[in-house]
Each structure stands twice: as C-alpha cells, then as structure tokens.
C-alpha cells in the first residue's frame, strides 16, 4: 500500500510540475 501511494504521489507531483511549467510558459508569452 505504501509503495503504491508513493508511486501515485510521484505521478501527481510530475503532473503538477508539468502544469506549472505550462502555465508559466503561457504567462511569459502573454507578457
């Protein structure tokens, strides 16, 4: 269970990081 949670957490972290990078890129393009 702990191993599964850790893997899931890693996936969420990766998706969040990608979303932040995408948002930042759009924000930079608009300014």
C-alpha atoms as a PDB file:
ATOM      1  CA  UNK A   1       0.000   0.000   0.000  1.00  0.00           C
ATOM      2  CA  UNK A   2       2.755   2.410   0.931  1.00  0.00           C
ATOM      3  CA  UNK A   3       4.648   1.589  -2.247  1.00  0.00           C
ATOM      4  CA  UNK A   4       1.540   2.203  -4.350  1.00  0.00           C
ATOM      5  CA  UNK A   5       0.897   5.515  -2.599  1.00  0.00           C
ATOM      6  CA  UNK A   6       4.476   6.591  -3.203  1.00  0.00           C
ATOM      7  CA  UNK A   7       4.182   5.812  -6.905  1.00  0.00           C
ATOM      8  CA  UNK A   8       0.850   7.648  -7.113  1.00  0.00           C
ATOM      9  CA  UNK A   9       2.340  10.610  -5.286  1.00  0.00           C
ATOM     10  CA  UNK A  10       5.211  10.721  -7.754  1.00  0.00           C
ATOM     11  CA  UNK A  11       2.773  10.756 -10.666  1.00  0.00           C
ATOM     12  CA  UNK A  12       0.765  13.614  -9.144  1.00  0.00           C
ATOM     13  CA  UNK A  13       3.958  15.543  -8.480  1.00  0.00           C
ATOM     14  CA  UNK A  14       5.067  15.093 -12.081  1.00  0.00           C
ATOM     15  CA  UNK A  15       1.695  16.208 -13.463  1.00  0.00           C
ATOM     16  CA  UNK A  16       1.633  19.223 -11.160  1.00  0.00           C
ATOM     17  CA  UNK A  17       5.128  20.253 -12.198  1.00  0.00           C
ATOM     18  CA  UNK A  18       4.215  19.975 -15.868  1.00  0.00           C
ATOM     19  CA  UNK A  19       1.076  22.065 -15.332  1.00  0.00           C
ATOM     20  CA  UNK A  20       3.035  24.752 -13.510  1.00  0.00           C
ATOM     21  CA  UNK A  21       5.624  24.841 -16.299  1.00  0.00           C
ATOM     22  CA  UNK A  22       2.896  25.097 -18.941  1.00  0.00           C
ATOM     23  CA  UNK A  23       1.119  27.878 -17.036  1.00  0.00           C
ATOM     24  CA  UNK A  24       4.381  29.754 -16.587  1.00  0.00           C
ATOM     25  CA  UNK A  25       5.165  29.450 -20.301  1.00  0.00           C
ATOM     26  CA  UNK A  26       1.728  30.817 -21.241  1.00  0.00           C
ATOM     27  CA  UNK A  27       2.086  33.612 -18.694  1.00  0.00           C
ATOM     28  CA  UNK A  28       5.528  34.546 -20.040  1.00  0.00           C
ATOM     29  CA  UNK A  29       4.212  34.525 -23.606  1.00  0.00           C
ATOM     30  CA  UNK A  30       1.370  36.890 -22.696  1.00  0.00           C
ATOM     31  CA  UNK A  31       3.684  39.451 -21.122  1.00  0.00           C
END
